[in-house]
């Protein structure tokens, strides 16, 4: 039954022209009514799009730049088509496909923002994300101070080691004319940190265990940032996450680690069928992560759909693939800096 629904959906997409060259201009505007069936492809959700979306907000049209994000999973990319449709930036994972993506994006005049995935586990044993008991005492209560200190030392070491590896790759793979540029009101070296680890699906955990995992992961994050900043003081670091990751884990960061998180702009993944912006008026979880203490929305980058069908090299990818080959699309808001008692924050203009 599910396969029948998927095949029927693909037929609809092909009839609508999604399997051919993108009809991406003029752009449609969100919020709007877009194709959303099937509800999701694996873990990928959001409106099914044949181009970027403009955005209407209170007071009129939002001032945004359009972009995509790529990794080694995206190996059938039509870079010139992305440029034709208006891509101005691409967030690209520093993996085995990075140099291919970077060179082709640069040729298409699309700016490259490298990113690193902050992994908690270092081996296939999953010694942390599959073992919540490591984050509570023997009776399931709070960890002893010495045990928490030992865990946080591991976290700092892992964050530092991953940062050193990232810096080494960055120095090898980024060209001098790629490293610093103006984008959305900011100027510097743009670097993205992907922060989305959690306890494995199906593994039960307690509130105490989630809090301590959050402290552990936040310590990794702050150590990564500190180490990268020693090599690149002008780095503008944006961290990517999901609302649930922040609410369940990162909000429990210790004060010294929260001070680092506090100063980082956020790239938030949140897909809605109408392609709309975040609803900060009524969603406390989004308020918790996006609202800065100095005033303003620090969620400056929004991944609003995982199911964009343009920018695909159809000559290299079977059109009958189920689900069809697709990419993530993002909007970057114009940014300004504000100061508070902790330091500088980056918020939407």
C-alpha atoms as a PDB file:
ATOM      1  CA  UNK A   1       0.000   0.000   0.000  1.00  0.00           C
ATOM      2  CA  UNK A   2       2.758   2.449   0.972  1.00  0.00           C
ATOM      3  CA  UNK A   3       4.681   1.672  -2.233  1.00  0.00           C
ATOM      4  CA  UNK A   4       1.533   2.295  -4.285  1.00  0.00           C
ATOM      5  CA  UNK A   5       1.056   5.669  -2.634  1.00  0.00           C
ATOM      6  CA  UNK A   6       4.678   6.599  -3.266  1.00  0.00           C
ATOM      7  CA  UNK A   7       4.530   5.582  -6.929  1.00  0.00           C
ATOM      8  CA  UNK A   8       1.315   7.509  -7.395  1.00  0.00           C
ATOM      9  CA  UNK A   9       2.928  10.552  -5.796  1.00  0.00           C
ATOM     10  CA  UNK A  10       5.945  10.293  -8.075  1.00  0.00           C
ATOM     11  CA  UNK A  11       3.611  10.082 -11.088  1.00  0.00           C
ATOM     12  CA  UNK A  12       1.949  13.294  -9.896  1.00  0.00           C
ATOM     13  CA  UNK A  13       5.366  14.945  -9.528  1.00  0.00           C
ATOM     14  CA  UNK A  14       6.379  13.896 -13.030  1.00  0.00           C
ATOM     15  CA  UNK A  15       3.102  15.148 -14.485  1.00  0.00           C
ATOM     16  CA  UNK A  16       3.667  18.435 -12.681  1.00  0.00           C
ATOM     17  CA  UNK A  17       7.075  18.797 -14.316  1.00  0.00           C
ATOM     18  CA  UNK A  18       9.247  18.098 -11.279  1.00  0.00           C
ATOM     19  CA  UNK A  19      11.267  15.431 -13.084  1.00  0.00           C
ATOM     20  CA  UNK A  20      12.389  17.861 -15.796  1.00  0.00           C
ATOM     21  CA  UNK A  21      14.199  21.215 -15.666  1.00  0.00           C
ATOM     22  CA  UNK A  22      13.133  23.280 -12.678  1.00  0.00           C
ATOM     23  CA  UNK A  23      10.448  25.882 -13.232  1.00  0.00           C
ATOM     24  CA  UNK A  24      11.933  27.915 -10.403  1.00  0.00           C
ATOM     25  CA  UNK A  25      11.312  31.458 -11.642  1.00  0.00           C
ATOM     26  CA  UNK A  26       9.413  33.532 -10.814  1.00  0.00           C
ATOM     27  CA  UNK A  27       9.527  32.276  -7.250  1.00  0.00           C
ATOM     28  CA  UNK A  28       6.507  31.314  -5.220  1.00  0.00           C
ATOM     29  CA  UNK A  29       5.935  32.895  -1.812  1.00  0.00           C
ATOM     30  CA  UNK A  30       5.500  31.306   1.611  1.00  0.00           C
ATOM     31  CA  UNK A  31       3.310  30.821   3.556  1.00  0.00           C
ATOM     32  CA  UNK A  32       1.422  29.064   0.809  1.00  0.00           C
ATOM     33  CA  UNK A  33      -0.240  25.897  -0.363  1.00  0.00           C
ATOM     34  CA  UNK A  34       2.337  23.448  -1.729  1.00  0.00           C
ATOM     35  CA  UNK A  35       2.473  19.780  -2.636  1.00  0.00           C
ATOM     36  CA  UNK A  36       3.066  17.791   0.570  1.00  0.00           C
ATOM     37  CA  UNK A  37       2.126  14.224  -0.319  1.00  0.00           C
ATOM     38  CA  UNK A  38       3.595  11.805   0.684  1.00  0.00           C
ATOM     39  CA  UNK A  39       3.912  13.192   4.198  1.00  0.00           C
ATOM     40  CA  UNK A  40       7.629  12.408   4.345  1.00  0.00           C
ATOM     41  CA  UNK A  41      10.353  10.464   2.542  1.00  0.00           C
ATOM     42  CA  UNK A  42      12.241   8.559   5.201  1.00  0.00           C
ATOM     43  CA  UNK A  43      13.314  11.286   7.621  1.00  0.00           C
ATOM     44  CA  UNK A  44      12.904  14.045   5.019  1.00  0.00           C
ATOM     45  CA  UNK A  45       9.859  16.297   5.230  1.00  0.00           C
ATOM     46  CA  UNK A  46       8.620  19.737   4.230  1.00  0.00           C
ATOM     47  CA  UNK A  47       6.911  21.052   1.107  1.00  0.00           C
ATOM     48  CA  UNK A  48       7.908  19.449  -2.202  1.00  0.00           C
ATOM     49  CA  UNK A  49       9.480  22.346  -4.080  1.00  0.00           C
ATOM     50  CA  UNK A  50      10.659  23.159  -7.582  1.00  0.00           C
ATOM     51  CA  UNK A  51      12.433  26.331  -6.503  1.00  0.00           C
ATOM     52  CA  UNK A  52      13.207  28.566  -3.555  1.00  0.00           C
ATOM     53  CA  UNK A  53      10.402  30.363  -1.732  1.00  0.00           C
ATOM     54  CA  UNK A  54      10.157  34.043  -1.002  1.00  0.00           C
ATOM     55  CA  UNK A  55       8.781  34.775   2.448  1.00  0.00           C
ATOM     56  CA  UNK A  56       6.019  37.049   3.661  1.00  0.00           C
ATOM     57  CA  UNK A  57       6.250  38.142   7.287  1.00  0.00           C
ATOM     58  CA  UNK A  58       4.552  40.755   9.417  1.00  0.00           C
ATOM     59  CA  UNK A  59       5.137  44.078   7.714  1.00  0.00           C
ATOM     60  CA  UNK A  60       5.833  42.707   4.249  1.00  0.00           C
ATOM     61  CA  UNK A  61       8.435  40.623   2.447  1.00  0.00           C
ATOM     62  CA  UNK A  62      11.400  39.285   4.431  1.00  0.00           C
ATOM     63  CA  UNK A  63      14.909  40.210   3.314  1.00  0.00           C
ATOM     64  CA  UNK A  64      16.502  36.799   2.741  1.00  0.00           C
ATOM     65  CA  UNK A  65      19.222  35.034   0.777  1.00  0.00           C
ATOM     66  CA  UNK A  66      18.569  31.602  -0.728  1.00  0.00           C
ATOM     67  CA  UNK A  67      20.798  28.573  -0.241  1.00  0.00           C
ATOM     68  CA  UNK A  68      21.135  24.816   0.002  1.00  0.00           C
ATOM     69  CA  UNK A  69      23.138  22.347   2.084  1.00  0.00           C
ATOM     70  CA  UNK A  70      25.143  19.447   0.691  1.00  0.00           C
ATOM     71  CA  UNK A  71      27.188  16.466   1.847  1.00  0.00           C
ATOM     72  CA  UNK A  72      28.521  13.243   0.357  1.00  0.00           C
ATOM     73  CA  UNK A  73      24.911  12.078   0.065  1.00  0.00           C
ATOM     74  CA  UNK A  74      24.375  14.688  -2.664  1.00  0.00           C
ATOM     75  CA  UNK A  75      26.322  13.323  -5.616  1.00  0.00           C
ATOM     76  CA  UNK A  76      23.999  14.257  -8.505  1.00  0.00           C
ATOM     77  CA  UNK A  77      23.966  18.045  -8.230  1.00  0.00           C
ATOM     78  CA  UNK A  78      23.339  20.443 -11.111  1.00  0.00           C
ATOM     79  CA  UNK A  79      25.209  23.461  -9.768  1.00  0.00           C
ATOM     80  CA  UNK A  80      24.400  25.766 -12.682  1.00  0.00           C
ATOM     81  CA  UNK A  81      20.690  25.028 -12.227  1.00  0.00           C
ATOM     82  CA  UNK A  82      20.956  25.922  -8.539  1.00  0.00           C
ATOM     83  CA  UNK A  83      22.594  29.205  -9.521  1.00  0.00           C
ATOM     84  CA  UNK A  84      19.925  29.871 -12.167  1.00  0.00           C
ATOM     85  CA  UNK A  85      17.255  29.354  -9.530  1.00  0.00           C
ATOM     86  CA  UNK A  86      18.930  31.875  -7.218  1.00  0.00           C
ATOM     87  CA  UNK A  87      21.202  29.960  -4.819  1.00  0.00           C
ATOM     88  CA  UNK A  88      23.669  32.408  -3.279  1.00  0.00           C
ATOM     89  CA  UNK A  89      25.273  30.151  -0.669  1.00  0.00           C
ATOM     90  CA  UNK A  90      25.737  26.480   0.123  1.00  0.00           C
ATOM     91  CA  UNK A  91      26.491  24.888   3.483  1.00  0.00           C
ATOM     92  CA  UNK A  92      28.795  21.964   2.645  1.00  0.00           C
ATOM     93  CA  UNK A  93      29.980  19.156   4.897  1.00  0.00           C
ATOM     94  CA  UNK A  94      33.756  18.798   5.132  1.00  0.00           C
ATOM     95  CA  UNK A  95      33.684  15.186   3.902  1.00  0.00           C
ATOM     96  CA  UNK A  96      34.878  13.178   0.899  1.00  0.00           C
ATOM     97  CA  UNK A  97      32.696  15.187  -1.523  1.00  0.00           C
ATOM     98  CA  UNK A  98      33.684  18.588  -0.168  1.00  0.00           C
ATOM     99  CA  UNK A  99      36.259  19.557  -2.787  1.00  0.00           C
ATOM    100  CA  UNK A 100      34.006  18.450  -5.653  1.00  0.00           C
ATOM    101  CA  UNK A 101      31.145  20.504  -4.267  1.00  0.00           C
ATOM    102  CA  UNK A 102      33.364  23.490  -3.456  1.00  0.00           C
ATOM    103  CA  UNK A 103      34.955  23.700  -6.898  1.00  0.00           C
ATOM    104  CA  UNK A 104      31.660  23.372  -8.739  1.00  0.00           C
ATOM    105  CA  UNK A 105      29.836  25.804  -6.460  1.00  0.00           C
ATOM    106  CA  UNK A 106      32.599  28.353  -6.836  1.00  0.00           C
ATOM    107  CA  UNK A 107      32.391  28.038 -10.636  1.00  0.00           C
ATOM    108  CA  UNK A 108      28.661  28.766 -10.310  1.00  0.00           C
ATOM    109  CA  UNK A 109      29.409  31.826  -8.121  1.00  0.00           C
ATOM    110  CA  UNK A 110      27.772  30.264  -5.045  1.00  0.00           C
ATOM    111  CA  UNK A 111      29.511  30.956  -1.714  1.00  0.00           C
ATOM    112  CA  UNK A 112      30.627  27.927   0.329  1.00  0.00           C
ATOM    113  CA  UNK A 113      30.134  27.659   4.096  1.00  0.00           C
ATOM    114  CA  UNK A 114      31.923  24.510   5.407  1.00  0.00           C
ATOM    115  CA  UNK A 115      30.360  22.502   8.205  1.00  0.00           C
ATOM    116  CA  UNK A 116      31.336  19.833  10.720  1.00  0.00           C
ATOM    117  CA  UNK A 117      29.069  17.232  12.346  1.00  0.00           C
ATOM    118  CA  UNK A 118      29.716  17.149  16.104  1.00  0.00           C
ATOM    119  CA  UNK A 119      29.682  13.420  16.879  1.00  0.00           C
ATOM    120  CA  UNK A 120      29.412  12.220  20.469  1.00  0.00           C
ATOM    121  CA  UNK A 121      30.459   8.623  19.808  1.00  0.00           C
ATOM    122  CA  UNK A 122      33.909   7.814  18.476  1.00  0.00           C
ATOM    123  CA  UNK A 123      33.367   4.103  17.752  1.00  0.00           C
ATOM    124  CA  UNK A 124      30.634   1.797  16.529  1.00  0.00           C
ATOM    125  CA  UNK A 125      30.103   0.743  20.141  1.00  0.00           C
ATOM    126  CA  UNK A 126      27.928   3.848  20.716  1.00  0.00           C
ATOM    127  CA  UNK A 127      29.304   4.073  24.207  1.00  0.00           C
ATOM    128  CA  UNK A 128      27.403   7.261  25.070  1.00  0.00           C
ATOM    129  CA  UNK A 129      24.304   7.710  22.880  1.00  0.00           C
ATOM    130  CA  UNK A 130      23.155   4.125  23.517  1.00  0.00           C
ATOM    131  CA  UNK A 131      23.991   4.042  27.230  1.00  0.00           C
ATOM    132  CA  UNK A 132      22.020   6.629  29.214  1.00  0.00           C
ATOM    133  CA  UNK A 133      23.102   4.949  32.471  1.00  0.00           C
ATOM    134  CA  UNK A 134      26.511   6.584  32.034  1.00  0.00           C
ATOM    135  CA  UNK A 135      24.803   9.900  32.724  1.00  0.00           C
ATOM    136  CA  UNK A 136      23.249   9.069  36.106  1.00  0.00           C
ATOM    137  CA  UNK A 137      24.311   7.622  39.429  1.00  0.00           C
ATOM    138  CA  UNK A 138      24.071   3.928  40.304  1.00  0.00           C
ATOM    139  CA  UNK A 139      20.590   4.342  41.756  1.00  0.00           C
ATOM    140  CA  UNK A 140      19.457   6.428  38.794  1.00  0.00           C
ATOM    141  CA  UNK A 141      19.934   9.671  40.708  1.00  0.00           C
ATOM    142  CA  UNK A 142      22.255  12.584  39.994  1.00  0.00           C
ATOM    143  CA  UNK A 143      25.876  11.853  39.170  1.00  0.00           C
ATOM    144  CA  UNK A 144      28.470  12.360  41.868  1.00  0.00           C
ATOM    145  CA  UNK A 145      30.451  15.555  41.303  1.00  0.00           C
ATOM    146  CA  UNK A 146      33.640  13.602  40.540  1.00  0.00           C
ATOM    147  CA  UNK A 147      31.855  11.428  37.977  1.00  0.00           C
ATOM    148  CA  UNK A 148      30.306  14.427  36.223  1.00  0.00           C
ATOM    149  CA  UNK A 149      33.694  16.134  36.166  1.00  0.00           C
ATOM    150  CA  UNK A 150      35.254  13.058  34.557  1.00  0.00           C
ATOM    151  CA  UNK A 151      32.524  12.952  31.897  1.00  0.00           C
ATOM    152  CA  UNK A 152      32.966  16.623  31.104  1.00  0.00           C
ATOM    153  CA  UNK A 153      36.713  16.168  30.741  1.00  0.00           C
ATOM    154  CA  UNK A 154      35.993  13.520  28.108  1.00  0.00           C
ATOM    155  CA  UNK A 155      33.575  15.927  26.410  1.00  0.00           C
ATOM    156  CA  UNK A 156      36.120  18.749  26.302  1.00  0.00           C
ATOM    157  CA  UNK A 157      38.767  16.411  24.905  1.00  0.00           C
ATOM    158  CA  UNK A 158      36.438  15.158  22.176  1.00  0.00           C
ATOM    159  CA  UNK A 159      35.281  18.625  21.209  1.00  0.00           C
ATOM    160  CA  UNK A 160      38.870  19.863  21.040  1.00  0.00           C
ATOM    161  CA  UNK A 161      40.057  16.874  18.979  1.00  0.00           C
ATOM    162  CA  UNK A 162      37.239  17.262  16.450  1.00  0.00           C
ATOM    163  CA  UNK A 163      37.969  20.980  16.165  1.00  0.00           C
ATOM    164  CA  UNK A 164      41.646  20.304  15.491  1.00  0.00           C
ATOM    165  CA  UNK A 165      40.715  17.828  12.756  1.00  0.00           C
ATOM    166  CA  UNK A 166      38.309  20.367  11.234  1.00  0.00           C
ATOM    167  CA  UNK A 167      40.927  23.132  11.296  1.00  0.00           C
ATOM    168  CA  UNK A 168      43.428  20.862   9.573  1.00  0.00           C
ATOM    169  CA  UNK A 169      40.943  19.991   6.808  1.00  0.00           C
ATOM    170  CA  UNK A 170      39.908  23.621   6.480  1.00  0.00           C
ATOM    171  CA  UNK A 171      43.494  24.724   5.973  1.00  0.00           C
ATOM    172  CA  UNK A 172      44.008  22.023   3.347  1.00  0.00           C
ATOM    173  CA  UNK A 173      40.787  22.426   1.412  1.00  0.00           C
ATOM    174  CA  UNK A 174      39.742  26.081   1.565  1.00  0.00           C
ATOM    175  CA  UNK A 175      41.380  28.400  -0.952  1.00  0.00           C
ATOM    176  CA  UNK A 176      42.576  31.870   0.059  1.00  0.00           C
ATOM    177  CA  UNK A 177      39.862  33.599  -1.959  1.00  0.00           C
ATOM    178  CA  UNK A 178      37.149  31.362  -0.434  1.00  0.00           C
ATOM    179  CA  UNK A 179      37.695  31.942   3.243  1.00  0.00           C
ATOM    180  CA  UNK A 180      36.261  35.377   4.022  1.00  0.00           C
ATOM    181  CA  UNK A 181      33.361  37.245   2.461  1.00  0.00           C
ATOM    182  CA  UNK A 182      30.310  39.419   3.103  1.00  0.00           C
ATOM    183  CA  UNK A 183      27.035  37.602   3.530  1.00  0.00           C
ATOM    184  CA  UNK A 184      23.713  38.859   4.887  1.00  0.00           C
ATOM    185  CA  UNK A 185      25.321  41.788   6.724  1.00  0.00           C
ATOM    186  CA  UNK A 186      28.188  39.776   8.219  1.00  0.00           C
ATOM    187  CA  UNK A 187      31.815  39.561   7.155  1.00  0.00           C
ATOM    188  CA  UNK A 188      34.297  36.872   8.133  1.00  0.00           C
ATOM    189  CA  UNK A 189      35.031  33.168   7.867  1.00  0.00           C
ATOM    190  CA  UNK A 190      31.729  31.345   7.998  1.00  0.00           C
ATOM    191  CA  UNK A 191      31.806  27.941   9.685  1.00  0.00           C
ATOM    192  CA  UNK A 192      28.870  25.749  10.648  1.00  0.00           C
ATOM    193  CA  UNK A 193      28.693  23.251  13.508  1.00  0.00           C
ATOM    194  CA  UNK A 194      26.019  20.569  13.156  1.00  0.00           C
ATOM    195  CA  UNK A 195      24.732  19.742  16.669  1.00  0.00           C
ATOM    196  CA  UNK A 196      22.021  17.079  16.584  1.00  0.00           C
ATOM    197  CA  UNK A 197      23.165  14.043  18.599  1.00  0.00           C
ATOM    198  CA  UNK A 198      20.726  12.421  21.040  1.00  0.00           C
ATOM    199  CA  UNK A 199      20.083   9.125  22.784  1.00  0.00           C
ATOM    200  CA  UNK A 200      19.424   6.454  20.195  1.00  0.00           C
ATOM    201  CA  UNK A 201      15.827   5.812  19.164  1.00  0.00           C
ATOM    202  CA  UNK A 202      14.228   3.139  21.323  1.00  0.00           C
ATOM    203  CA  UNK A 203      16.669   3.671  24.202  1.00  0.00           C
ATOM    204  CA  UNK A 204      14.850   4.778  27.350  1.00  0.00           C
ATOM    205  CA  UNK A 205      16.312   7.632  29.380  1.00  0.00           C
ATOM    206  CA  UNK A 206      15.409   9.646  32.464  1.00  0.00           C
ATOM    207  CA  UNK A 207      15.245  13.411  32.899  1.00  0.00           C
ATOM    208  CA  UNK A 208      18.530  13.357  34.863  1.00  0.00           C
ATOM    209  CA  UNK A 209      20.250  11.379  32.118  1.00  0.00           C
ATOM    210  CA  UNK A 210      19.039  13.779  29.424  1.00  0.00           C
ATOM    211  CA  UNK A 211      20.188  16.759  31.459  1.00  0.00           C
ATOM    212  CA  UNK A 212      23.663  15.344  31.934  1.00  0.00           C
ATOM    213  CA  UNK A 213      23.888  14.282  28.289  1.00  0.00           C
ATOM    214  CA  UNK A 214      23.007  17.875  27.445  1.00  0.00           C
ATOM    215  CA  UNK A 215      25.805  19.158  29.687  1.00  0.00           C
ATOM    216  CA  UNK A 216      28.186  16.694  28.044  1.00  0.00           C
ATOM    217  CA  UNK A 217      27.208  17.687  24.502  1.00  0.00           C
ATOM    218  CA  UNK A 218      27.250  21.407  25.308  1.00  0.00           C
ATOM    219  CA  UNK A 219      30.769  21.022  26.729  1.00  0.00           C
ATOM    220  CA  UNK A 220      31.832  19.404  23.450  1.00  0.00           C
ATOM    221  CA  UNK A 221      30.262  22.289  21.546  1.00  0.00           C
ATOM    222  CA  UNK A 222      31.967  25.007  23.578  1.00  0.00           C
ATOM    223  CA  UNK A 223      35.338  23.245  23.383  1.00  0.00           C
ATOM    224  CA  UNK A 224      35.010  22.947  19.598  1.00  0.00           C
ATOM    225  CA  UNK A 225      34.225  26.641  19.291  1.00  0.00           C
ATOM    226  CA  UNK A 226      37.076  27.677  21.588  1.00  0.00           C
ATOM    227  CA  UNK A 227      39.613  25.570  19.692  1.00  0.00           C
ATOM    228  CA  UNK A 228      38.500  26.824  16.275  1.00  0.00           C
ATOM    229  CA  UNK A 229      38.605  30.421  17.525  1.00  0.00           C
ATOM    230  CA  UNK A 230      42.247  30.013  18.585  1.00  0.00           C
ATOM    231  CA  UNK A 231      43.128  29.329  14.940  1.00  0.00           C
ATOM    232  CA  UNK A 232      40.576  31.652  13.342  1.00  0.00           C
ATOM    233  CA  UNK A 233      39.603  34.562  15.629  1.00  0.00           C
ATOM    234  CA  UNK A 234      37.483  36.049  12.840  1.00  0.00           C
ATOM    235  CA  UNK A 235      35.378  32.893  12.463  1.00  0.00           C
ATOM    236  CA  UNK A 236      31.614  33.420  12.405  1.00  0.00           C
ATOM    237  CA  UNK A 237      30.339  30.123  13.788  1.00  0.00           C
ATOM    238  CA  UNK A 238      26.697  29.183  13.351  1.00  0.00           C
ATOM    239  CA  UNK A 239      25.362  26.053  15.010  1.00  0.00           C
ATOM    240  CA  UNK A 240      22.709  23.861  13.405  1.00  0.00           C
ATOM    241  CA  UNK A 241      20.185  22.022  15.481  1.00  0.00           C
ATOM    242  CA  UNK A 242      16.553  20.962  15.883  1.00  0.00           C
ATOM    243  CA  UNK A 243      14.139  22.442  18.447  1.00  0.00           C
ATOM    244  CA  UNK A 244      13.902  19.121  20.307  1.00  0.00           C
ATOM    245  CA  UNK A 245      17.688  18.755  20.594  1.00  0.00           C
ATOM    246  CA  UNK A 246      17.916  22.147  22.254  1.00  0.00           C
ATOM    247  CA  UNK A 247      14.903  21.614  24.502  1.00  0.00           C
ATOM    248  CA  UNK A 248      15.800  18.069  25.571  1.00  0.00           C
ATOM    249  CA  UNK A 249      19.554  18.515  25.950  1.00  0.00           C
ATOM    250  CA  UNK A 250      21.408  21.740  25.193  1.00  0.00           C
ATOM    251  CA  UNK A 251      19.318  23.999  27.412  1.00  0.00           C
ATOM    252  CA  UNK A 252      20.899  22.229  30.414  1.00  0.00           C
ATOM    253  CA  UNK A 253      24.401  23.444  29.538  1.00  0.00           C
ATOM    254  CA  UNK A 254      26.528  24.625  32.449  1.00  0.00           C
ATOM    255  CA  UNK A 255      26.829  28.452  32.707  1.00  0.00           C
ATOM    256  CA  UNK A 256      30.331  28.563  31.198  1.00  0.00           C
ATOM    257  CA  UNK A 257      29.235  26.486  28.196  1.00  0.00           C
ATOM    258  CA  UNK A 258      25.917  28.291  27.868  1.00  0.00           C
ATOM    259  CA  UNK A 259      27.858  31.554  27.587  1.00  0.00           C
ATOM    260  CA  UNK A 260      29.419  30.182  24.381  1.00  0.00           C
ATOM    261  CA  UNK A 261      26.127  28.846  22.998  1.00  0.00           C
ATOM    262  CA  UNK A 262      24.464  32.133  23.946  1.00  0.00           C
ATOM    263  CA  UNK A 263      26.703  34.060  21.549  1.00  0.00           C
ATOM    264  CA  UNK A 264      26.252  31.792  18.528  1.00  0.00           C
ATOM    265  CA  UNK A 265      23.685  32.438  15.814  1.00  0.00           C
ATOM    266  CA  UNK A 266      21.424  29.473  15.107  1.00  0.00           C
ATOM    267  CA  UNK A 267      20.615  27.525  11.953  1.00  0.00           C
ATOM    268  CA  UNK A 268      17.348  25.804  12.831  1.00  0.00           C
ATOM    269  CA  UNK A 269      15.771  22.861  11.027  1.00  0.00           C
ATOM    270  CA  UNK A 270      11.989  23.180  11.122  1.00  0.00           C
ATOM    271  CA  UNK A 271       9.795  22.097   8.236  1.00  0.00           C
ATOM    272  CA  UNK A 272       6.129  23.022   7.839  1.00  0.00           C
ATOM    273  CA  UNK A 273       3.886  22.220   4.912  1.00  0.00           C
ATOM    274  CA  UNK A 274       3.258  25.865   4.062  1.00  0.00           C
ATOM    275  CA  UNK A 275       6.985  26.746   4.026  1.00  0.00           C
ATOM    276  CA  UNK A 276       6.428  29.409   6.693  1.00  0.00           C
ATOM    277  CA  UNK A 277       8.781  31.034   9.179  1.00  0.00           C
ATOM    278  CA  UNK A 278       9.083  30.138  12.877  1.00  0.00           C
ATOM    279  CA  UNK A 279       6.117  30.996  15.076  1.00  0.00           C
ATOM    280  CA  UNK A 280       7.847  32.639  18.023  1.00  0.00           C
ATOM    281  CA  UNK A 281       4.682  34.177  19.447  1.00  0.00           C
ATOM    282  CA  UNK A 282       3.141  30.896  20.614  1.00  0.00           C
ATOM    283  CA  UNK A 283       5.931  28.318  20.773  1.00  0.00           C
ATOM    284  CA  UNK A 284       7.953  28.369  24.001  1.00  0.00           C
ATOM    285  CA  UNK A 285      10.503  25.865  22.716  1.00  0.00           C
ATOM    286  CA  UNK A 286      11.299  28.122  19.772  1.00  0.00           C
ATOM    287  CA  UNK A 287      11.399  31.167  22.047  1.00  0.00           C
ATOM    288  CA  UNK A 288      13.899  29.373  24.264  1.00  0.00           C
ATOM    289  CA  UNK A 289      16.358  28.782  21.437  1.00  0.00           C
ATOM    290  CA  UNK A 290      15.724  31.743  19.125  1.00  0.00           C
ATOM    291  CA  UNK A 291      15.124  34.782  21.329  1.00  0.00           C
ATOM    292  CA  UNK A 292      18.270  36.562  22.471  1.00  0.00           C
ATOM    293  CA  UNK A 293      18.467  38.248  25.851  1.00  0.00           C
ATOM    294  CA  UNK A 294      19.497  41.466  24.115  1.00  0.00           C
ATOM    295  CA  UNK A 295      16.404  41.447  21.934  1.00  0.00           C
ATOM    296  CA  UNK A 296      16.009  39.898  18.525  1.00  0.00           C
ATOM    297  CA  UNK A 297      15.750  36.538  16.804  1.00  0.00           C
ATOM    298  CA  UNK A 298      19.088  34.703  16.645  1.00  0.00           C
ATOM    299  CA  UNK A 299      17.698  31.921  14.411  1.00  0.00           C
ATOM    300  CA  UNK A 300      19.153  33.626  11.368  1.00  0.00           C
ATOM    301  CA  UNK A 301      19.265  30.563   9.108  1.00  0.00           C
ATOM    302  CA  UNK A 302      16.218  28.372   8.455  1.00  0.00           C
ATOM    303  CA  UNK A 303      16.202  24.944   6.806  1.00  0.00           C
ATOM    304  CA  UNK A 304      12.569  24.973   5.691  1.00  0.00           C
ATOM    305  CA  UNK A 305      12.335  21.889   3.469  1.00  0.00           C
ATOM    306  CA  UNK A 306      14.299  18.690   2.900  1.00  0.00           C
ATOM    307  CA  UNK A 307      12.397  17.953  -0.312  1.00  0.00           C
ATOM    308  CA  UNK A 308      13.497  20.366  -3.039  1.00  0.00           C
ATOM    309  CA  UNK A 309      13.610  18.723  -6.449  1.00  0.00           C
ATOM    310  CA  UNK A 310      15.493  21.330  -8.481  1.00  0.00           C
ATOM    311  CA  UNK A 311      19.260  21.427  -8.978  1.00  0.00           C
ATOM    312  CA  UNK A 312      19.337  17.704  -9.739  1.00  0.00           C
ATOM    313  CA  UNK A 313      21.422  16.285 -12.576  1.00  0.00           C
ATOM    314  CA  UNK A 314      18.738  14.141 -14.173  1.00  0.00           C
ATOM    315  CA  UNK A 315      21.216  12.672 -16.691  1.00  0.00           C
ATOM    316  CA  UNK A 316      23.055  10.948 -13.847  1.00  0.00           C
ATOM    317  CA  UNK A 317      20.116   9.983 -11.661  1.00  0.00           C
ATOM    318  CA  UNK A 318      17.295   7.596 -12.574  1.00  0.00           C
ATOM    319  CA  UNK A 319      14.075   9.606 -12.738  1.00  0.00           C
ATOM    320  CA  UNK A 320      12.136   6.623 -11.403  1.00  0.00           C
ATOM    321  CA  UNK A 321      13.968   6.618  -8.068  1.00  0.00           C
ATOM    322  CA  UNK A 322      11.508   6.367  -5.167  1.00  0.00           C
ATOM    323  CA  UNK A 323      11.500   8.775  -3.482  1.00  0.00           C
ATOM    324  CA  UNK A 324      12.931  11.139  -6.111  1.00  0.00           C
ATOM    325  CA  UNK A 325      16.389  12.571  -5.567  1.00  0.00           C
ATOM    326  CA  UNK A 326      16.130  15.781  -3.554  1.00  0.00           C
ATOM    327  CA  UNK A 327      18.085  18.373  -1.541  1.00  0.00           C
ATOM    328  CA  UNK A 328      17.634  20.658   1.464  1.00  0.00           C
ATOM    329  CA  UNK A 329      16.795  24.336   0.994  1.00  0.00           C
ATOM    330  CA  UNK A 330      17.538  27.195   3.373  1.00  0.00           C
ATOM    331  CA  UNK A 331      16.814  30.874   3.849  1.00  0.00           C
ATOM    332  CA  UNK A 332      19.338  33.230   5.454  1.00  0.00           C
ATOM    333  CA  UNK A 333      17.996  36.419   6.990  1.00  0.00           C
ATOM    334  CA  UNK A 334      19.800  39.744   6.972  1.00  0.00           C
ATOM    335  CA  UNK A 335      21.775  40.026  10.214  1.00  0.00           C
ATOM    336  CA  UNK A 336      22.746  42.713  12.690  1.00  0.00           C
ATOM    337  CA  UNK A 337      24.855  42.527  15.851  1.00  0.00           C
ATOM    338  CA  UNK A 338      23.634  43.432  19.339  1.00  0.00           C
ATOM    339  CA  UNK A 339      25.453  43.502  22.664  1.00  0.00           C
ATOM    340  CA  UNK A 340      24.290  42.280  26.042  1.00  0.00           C
ATOM    341  CA  UNK A 341      25.884  41.523  29.404  1.00  0.00           C
ATOM    342  CA  UNK A 342      27.567  38.385  28.039  1.00  0.00           C
ATOM    343  CA  UNK A 343      28.873  39.644  24.716  1.00  0.00           C
ATOM    344  CA  UNK A 344      27.972  39.992  21.044  1.00  0.00           C
ATOM    345  CA  UNK A 345      24.948  38.305  19.554  1.00  0.00           C
ATOM    346  CA  UNK A 346      23.844  38.003  15.948  1.00  0.00           C
ATOM    347  CA  UNK A 347      20.132  38.487  15.285  1.00  0.00           C
ATOM    348  CA  UNK A 348      17.842  39.088  12.349  1.00  0.00           C
ATOM    349  CA  UNK A 349      17.829  42.635  11.085  1.00  0.00           C
END
